Amino acid sequence: MKCKQVLFTGLSSLLLFSCVSSKKFKGEVAKYDELNGNYIKVQGDLKSCEDAKAEYARNKTALENEIANLKKQNDFLKENNTTALKQLQDLSVISSTQAESIKKSLDNIGAKDAYIQDLQASMARKDSLNMALVMNLKGAIGNLADEDINIKVDKGVVYIDISDKLLFNSGSYVITPKANEVLGKVAKVLKAQPDIEFMVEGHTDNVKFAKGLLLDNWDLSVHRATAVVRVLQNQYGLNPAHIAAAGRGEYLPVAPNDTPAGRAANRRTRIVILPQLDQFFKLLEPKK
């Protein structure tokens, strides 16, 4: 009898220990999965930062090369004018009025050199603002797949490309409920900078389309652009005076239309951050 009691007590302890160990193991597995998910997200954020840094470096290098070329041209003109003026003075073949005129020309070259420096500083500031905008957008959008949304800077302009499968059903220009997630995140960043003006462009593939009142891909692309604009205005409060809507149809593809993947890439909505031309033209005005 005593042996049975001992055996029963031992089995009970073993089962209790097994239960506790199983719970602890599952808890540790859950913690590992959470940490692994956080690690993957951090890796994605790091890649986005590295891509943005590389884009900024390329833009900076191109700008520095352009400025260096302008300085070389400026130095060449200065040297030629100085030499010509000295030769003319030595030969005593110009009047004092003519010499003064040439001197003013040299002074103008100095002013242009100062203008080049101002332009360099303004362009560097613009590149910095664009890079900050790109990083804010990528940070806000976060976990969306790279193939569904792409944010980039090309020739000083910020582009946001959103796959139409995130926004519309096939052949429709009605915004889907799930589209509010991505449009809301983009709108939050744009609204934080009220001076920004942007254009919403609709793009399609080259598959012939006609449905109801829509005659072709032109119509579909325009209706999709205006649908996105209305959401940004009515649901997220963006200033309509700073928004333009345009339809590009099938005529500005980013990939060949001869494969399903290429056509999917071409069916997109693009948000273009418009350059502030008034500020650019102010750079061209002579200083008083």
Protein backbone atom coordinates (compact mmCIF):
# COMPACT_ATOMS: atom_id res chain seq x y z
CA MET A 1 0.00 0.00 0.00
CA LYS A 2 2.78 2.39 0.91
CA CYS A 3 4.48 1.65 -2.41
CA LYS A 4 1.35 2.65 -4.30
CA GLN A 5 1.16 5.94 -2.38
CA VAL A 6 4.79 6.70 -3.14
CA LEU A 7 4.31 5.87 -6.82
CA PHE A 8 1.17 8.05 -7.01
CA THR A 9 2.95 10.99 -5.37
CA GLY A 10 5.89 10.71 -7.77
CA LEU A 11 3.68 10.63 -10.87
CA SER A 12 1.72 13.67 -9.65
CA SER A 13 4.93 15.67 -9.15
CA LEU A 14 6.19 14.66 -12.60
CA LEU A 15 2.94 15.74 -14.34
CA LEU A 16 2.89 19.07 -12.44
CA PHE A 17 6.52 19.74 -13.39
CA SER A 18 5.79 18.89 -17.05
CA CYS A 19 2.82 21.30 -17.14
CA VAL A 20 4.81 24.16 -15.65
CA SER A 21 7.73 23.55 -18.03
CA SER A 22 5.38 23.50 -21.05
CA LYS A 23 3.85 26.84 -20.10
CA LYS A 24 7.28 28.36 -19.54
CA PHE A 25 8.48 27.02 -22.89
CA LYS A 26 5.49 28.50 -24.74
CA GLY A 27 6.08 31.82 -23.03
CA GLU A 28 9.71 31.84 -24.10
CA VAL A 29 8.68 30.98 -27.69
CA ALA A 30 6.23 33.89 -27.73
CA LYS A 31 8.94 36.25 -26.45
CA TYR A 32 11.32 34.99 -29.15
CA ASP A 33 8.72 35.53 -31.89
CA GLU A 34 8.10 39.08 -30.66
CA LEU A 35 11.82 39.88 -30.53
CA ASN A 36 12.35 38.35 -33.98
CA GLY A 37 9.50 40.46 -35.41
CA ASN A 38 11.01 43.61 -33.91
CA TYR A 39 14.41 42.65 -35.32
CA ILE A 40 12.97 42.23 -38.84
CA LYS A 41 11.22 45.63 -38.61
CA VAL A 42 14.42 47.33 -37.43
CA GLN A 43 16.32 45.73 -40.33
CA GLY A 44 13.73 47.11 -42.76
CA ASP A 45 13.99 50.60 -41.23
CA LEU A 46 17.79 50.40 -41.47
CA LYS A 47 17.61 49.48 -45.15
CA SER A 48 15.27 52.43 -45.83
CA CYS A 49 17.70 54.78 -44.10
CA GLU A 50 20.65 53.38 -46.04
CA ASP A 51 18.78 53.75 -49.36
CA ALA A 52 17.85 57.35 -48.55
CA LYS A 53 21.43 58.10 -47.50
CA ALA A 54 22.77 56.69 -50.78
CA GLU A 55 20.27 58.77 -52.81
CA TYR A 56 21.28 61.90 -50.94
CA ALA A 57 24.98 61.16 -51.56
CA ARG A 58 24.36 60.76 -55.30
CA ASN A 59 22.45 64.05 -55.47
CA LYS A 60 25.16 65.80 -53.46
CA THR A 61 27.92 64.49 -55.76
CA ALA A 62 26.06 65.61 -58.88
CA LEU A 63 25.50 69.06 -57.38
CA GLU A 64 29.14 69.41 -56.35
CA ASN A 65 30.29 68.45 -59.86
CA GLU A 66 27.99 71.04 -61.41
CA ILE A 67 29.20 73.75 -59.04
CA ALA A 68 32.84 72.82 -59.73
CA ASN A 69 32.25 73.19 -63.47
CA LEU A 70 30.64 76.60 -62.98
CA LYS A 71 33.59 77.74 -60.86
CA LYS A 72 36.05 76.58 -63.51
CA GLN A 73 34.19 78.58 -66.16
CA ASN A 74 34.10 81.58 -63.86
CA ASP A 75 37.82 81.40 -63.11
CA PHE A 76 38.59 81.02 -66.82
CA LEU A 77 36.60 84.15 -67.67
CA LYS A 78 38.25 86.10 -64.86
CA GLU A 79 41.73 85.13 -66.04
CA ASN A 80 41.00 86.01 -69.67
CA ASN A 81 39.48 89.38 -68.81
CA THR A 82 42.32 90.31 -66.47
CA THR A 83 44.92 89.39 -69.10
CA ALA A 84 43.10 91.29 -71.83
CA LEU A 85 42.74 94.39 -69.67
CA LYS A 86 46.43 94.38 -68.75
CA GLN A 87 47.48 93.98 -72.38
CA LEU A 88 45.27 96.82 -73.50
CA GLN A 89 46.49 99.11 -70.74
CA ASP A 90 50.12 98.29 -71.58
CA LEU A 91 49.50 99.17 -75.23
CA SER A 92 47.65 102.35 -74.25
CA VAL A 93 45.01 101.72 -76.88
CA ILE A 94 41.93 102.18 -74.67
CA SER A 95 40.48 105.23 -73.03
CA SER A 96 39.84 105.60 -69.32
CA THR A 97 36.10 105.18 -69.98
CA GLN A 98 36.69 101.89 -71.75
CA ALA A 99 38.99 100.70 -68.98
CA GLU A 100 36.30 101.54 -66.41
CA SER A 101 33.74 99.60 -68.44
CA ILE A 102 35.97 96.53 -68.46
CA LYS A 103 36.52 96.91 -64.72
CA LYS A 104 32.75 96.89 -64.19
CA SER A 105 32.56 93.69 -66.22
CA LEU A 106 35.08 92.10 -63.89
CA ASP A 107 33.03 93.28 -60.91
CA ASN A 108 29.95 91.66 -62.45
CA ILE A 109 31.82 88.38 -62.68
CA GLY A 110 32.51 88.65 -58.94
CA ALA A 111 28.79 89.22 -58.34
CA LYS A 112 27.99 86.13 -60.39
CA ASP A 113 30.41 84.16 -58.27
CA ALA A 114 28.49 85.25 -55.16
CA TYR A 115 25.26 84.28 -56.93
CA ILE A 116 26.64 80.80 -57.59
CA GLN A 117 27.40 80.42 -53.89
CA ASP A 118 23.86 81.52 -52.96
CA LEU A 119 22.44 79.08 -55.47
CA GLN A 120 24.60 76.31 -54.04
CA ALA A 121 23.34 77.00 -50.52
CA SER A 122 19.70 77.11 -51.67
CA MET A 123 19.97 73.85 -53.59
CA ALA A 124 21.66 72.14 -50.65
CA ARG A 125 18.83 73.33 -48.38
CA LYS A 126 16.22 72.06 -50.85
CA ASP A 127 17.91 68.65 -51.02
CA SER A 128 17.96 68.48 -47.22
CA LEU A 129 14.24 69.31 -47.01
CA ASN A 130 13.41 66.69 -49.65
CA MET A 131 15.44 64.07 -47.81
CA ALA A 132 13.70 64.90 -44.53
CA LEU A 133 10.31 64.60 -46.27
CA VAL A 134 11.23 61.20 -47.73
CA MET A 135 12.39 59.89 -44.35
CA ASN A 136 9.19 61.14 -42.66
CA LEU A 137 7.05 59.44 -45.32
CA LYS A 138 8.94 56.15 -45.04
CA GLY A 139 8.72 56.29 -41.26
CA ALA A 140 4.96 56.96 -41.36
CA ILE A 141 4.17 54.24 -43.90
CA GLY A 142 6.29 51.66 -42.08
CA ASN A 143 5.11 48.11 -42.61
CA LEU A 144 3.64 48.30 -46.13
CA ALA A 145 5.32 46.06 -48.70
CA ASP A 146 8.03 47.69 -50.84
CA GLU A 147 6.44 46.50 -54.08
CA ASP A 148 3.14 48.22 -53.19
CA ILE A 149 4.49 51.68 -52.40
CA ASN A 150 7.71 53.38 -53.46
CA ILE A 151 9.06 56.75 -52.28
CA LYS A 152 12.03 58.28 -54.05
CA VAL A 153 13.80 61.50 -55.02
CA ASP A 154 14.59 61.95 -58.71
CA LYS A 155 16.26 65.12 -60.03
CA GLY A 156 15.26 67.06 -56.93
CA VAL A 157 11.59 65.99 -57.00
CA VAL A 158 9.91 63.68 -54.45
CA TYR A 159 7.68 60.94 -55.90
CA ILE A 160 5.27 58.64 -54.01
CA ASP A 161 4.09 55.69 -56.15
CA ILE A 162 1.17 53.65 -54.74
CA SER A 163 0.08 50.41 -56.39
CA ASP A 164 -3.55 50.53 -57.50
CA LYS A 165 -4.26 47.25 -55.70
CA LEU A 166 -3.93 49.23 -52.46
CA LEU A 167 -6.49 51.81 -53.58
CA PHE A 168 -8.98 50.39 -56.09
CA ASN A 169 -10.67 47.22 -57.23
CA SER A 170 -9.97 46.15 -60.82
CA GLY A 171 -11.51 48.51 -63.37
CA SER A 172 -12.97 50.76 -60.63
CA TYR A 173 -12.22 54.30 -59.50
CA VAL A 174 -13.99 53.94 -56.13
CA ILE A 175 -11.56 54.13 -53.21
CA THR A 176 -11.59 50.90 -51.17
CA PRO A 177 -11.84 50.96 -47.34
CA LYS A 178 -8.32 49.53 -46.95
CA ALA A 179 -6.96 52.47 -49.00
CA ASN A 180 -7.61 54.80 -46.07
CA GLU A 181 -4.68 53.26 -44.20
CA VAL A 182 -2.04 54.30 -46.72
CA LEU A 183 -3.69 57.60 -47.73
CA GLY A 184 -4.10 58.57 -44.09
CA LYS A 185 -0.41 58.01 -43.38
CA VAL A 186 0.68 60.01 -46.43
CA ALA A 187 -1.81 62.80 -45.63
CA LYS A 188 -0.48 63.11 -42.07
CA VAL A 189 3.05 63.87 -43.31
CA LEU A 190 1.88 66.26 -46.06
CA LYS A 191 -0.43 68.14 -43.70
CA ALA A 192 2.47 68.78 -41.33
CA GLN A 193 4.05 70.94 -44.07
CA PRO A 194 1.20 73.23 -45.23
CA ASP A 195 3.32 75.09 -47.82
CA ILE A 196 3.83 71.93 -49.89
CA GLU A 197 1.98 71.71 -53.20
CA PHE A 198 1.55 68.38 -54.95
CA MET A 199 -0.07 66.65 -57.91
CA VAL A 200 -1.95 63.35 -57.84
CA GLU A 201 -1.46 61.41 -61.10
CA GLY A 202 -3.44 58.37 -62.23
CA HIS A 203 -1.60 55.79 -64.37
CA THR A 204 -2.85 52.63 -66.13
CA ASP A 205 -1.47 49.76 -68.19
CA ASN A 206 -2.13 49.54 -71.93
CA VAL A 207 -4.98 47.03 -71.79
CA LYS A 208 -7.98 48.51 -73.63
CA PHE A 209 -10.66 49.67 -71.22
CA ALA A 210 -14.22 50.97 -71.52
CA LYS A 211 -16.92 50.66 -68.88
CA GLY A 212 -20.11 52.68 -68.39
CA LEU A 213 -19.29 56.36 -68.78
CA LEU A 214 -15.56 55.65 -68.95
CA LEU A 215 -14.38 55.67 -72.55
CA ASP A 216 -10.77 54.55 -72.16
CA ASN A 217 -7.69 54.47 -69.92
CA TRP A 218 -7.50 58.27 -70.02
CA ASP A 219 -10.91 58.49 -68.34
CA LEU A 220 -10.06 55.80 -65.79
CA SER A 221 -6.75 57.45 -64.81
CA VAL A 222 -8.38 60.89 -64.39
CA HIS A 223 -11.25 59.53 -62.27
CA ARG A 224 -8.82 57.64 -60.05
CA ALA A 225 -6.69 60.76 -59.51
CA THR A 226 -9.71 62.90 -58.58
CA ALA A 227 -11.00 60.14 -56.26
CA VAL A 228 -7.72 60.23 -54.32
CA VAL A 229 -7.78 64.05 -54.24
CA ARG A 230 -11.29 64.06 -52.76
CA VAL A 231 -10.24 61.69 -49.99
CA LEU A 232 -7.19 63.81 -49.13
CA GLN A 233 -9.35 66.95 -49.07
CA ASN A 234 -12.58 65.74 -47.47
CA GLN A 235 -11.35 63.09 -45.02
CA TYR A 236 -7.91 64.42 -44.09
CA GLY A 237 -8.32 68.17 -44.50
CA LEU A 238 -5.53 68.92 -46.98
CA ASN A 239 -5.82 72.34 -48.63
CA PRO A 240 -7.39 71.83 -52.10
CA ALA A 241 -5.67 75.00 -53.35
CA HIS A 242 -2.35 73.12 -53.02
CA ILE A 243 -3.51 69.98 -54.87
CA ALA A 244 -3.76 69.21 -58.60
CA ALA A 245 -5.25 66.07 -60.18
CA ALA A 246 -4.10 64.63 -63.51
CA GLY A 247 -4.62 61.51 -65.61
CA ARG A 248 -1.64 60.07 -67.47
CA GLY A 249 -3.42 57.05 -68.90
CA GLU A 250 -1.07 54.40 -70.27
CA TYR A 251 1.48 56.84 -71.67
CA LEU A 252 4.06 57.11 -68.89
CA PRO A 253 4.88 53.48 -68.01
CA VAL A 254 7.61 52.50 -65.57
CA ALA A 255 7.87 48.94 -66.95
CA PRO A 256 7.10 47.09 -70.22
CA ASN A 257 3.44 46.15 -70.61
CA ASP A 258 4.20 42.72 -72.12
CA THR A 259 4.19 40.86 -68.77
CA PRO A 260 1.63 40.69 -65.91
CA ALA A 261 4.25 42.05 -63.49
CA GLY A 262 5.02 44.99 -65.79
CA ARG A 263 1.35 45.86 -66.23
CA ALA A 264 0.83 45.67 -62.46
CA ALA A 265 3.72 48.10 -61.92
CA ASN A 266 2.19 50.55 -64.41
CA ARG A 267 -1.21 50.54 -62.69
CA ARG A 268 -0.38 53.05 -60.00
CA THR A 269 -1.25 56.38 -58.44
CA ARG A 270 1.66 58.82 -58.17
CA ILE A 271 1.86 61.79 -55.81
CA VAL A 272 4.39 64.35 -57.05
CA ILE A 273 5.66 67.00 -54.62
CA LEU A 274 5.76 70.06 -56.88
CA PRO A 275 8.85 72.33 -56.83
CA GLN A 276 8.19 75.76 -55.36
CA LEU A 277 8.95 77.76 -58.49
CA ASP A 278 8.30 81.15 -56.87
CA GLN A 279 11.24 80.55 -54.53
CA PHE A 280 13.40 79.46 -57.47
CA PHE A 281 12.61 82.59 -59.46
CA LYS A 282 13.49 84.75 -56.46
CA LEU A 283 17.02 83.39 -56.76
CA LEU A 284 17.19 84.77 -60.30
CA GLU A 285 16.15 88.28 -59.29
CA PRO A 286 19.02 90.76 -58.92
CA LYS A 287 19.69 91.83 -55.36
CA LYS A 288 18.84 95.41 -54.54
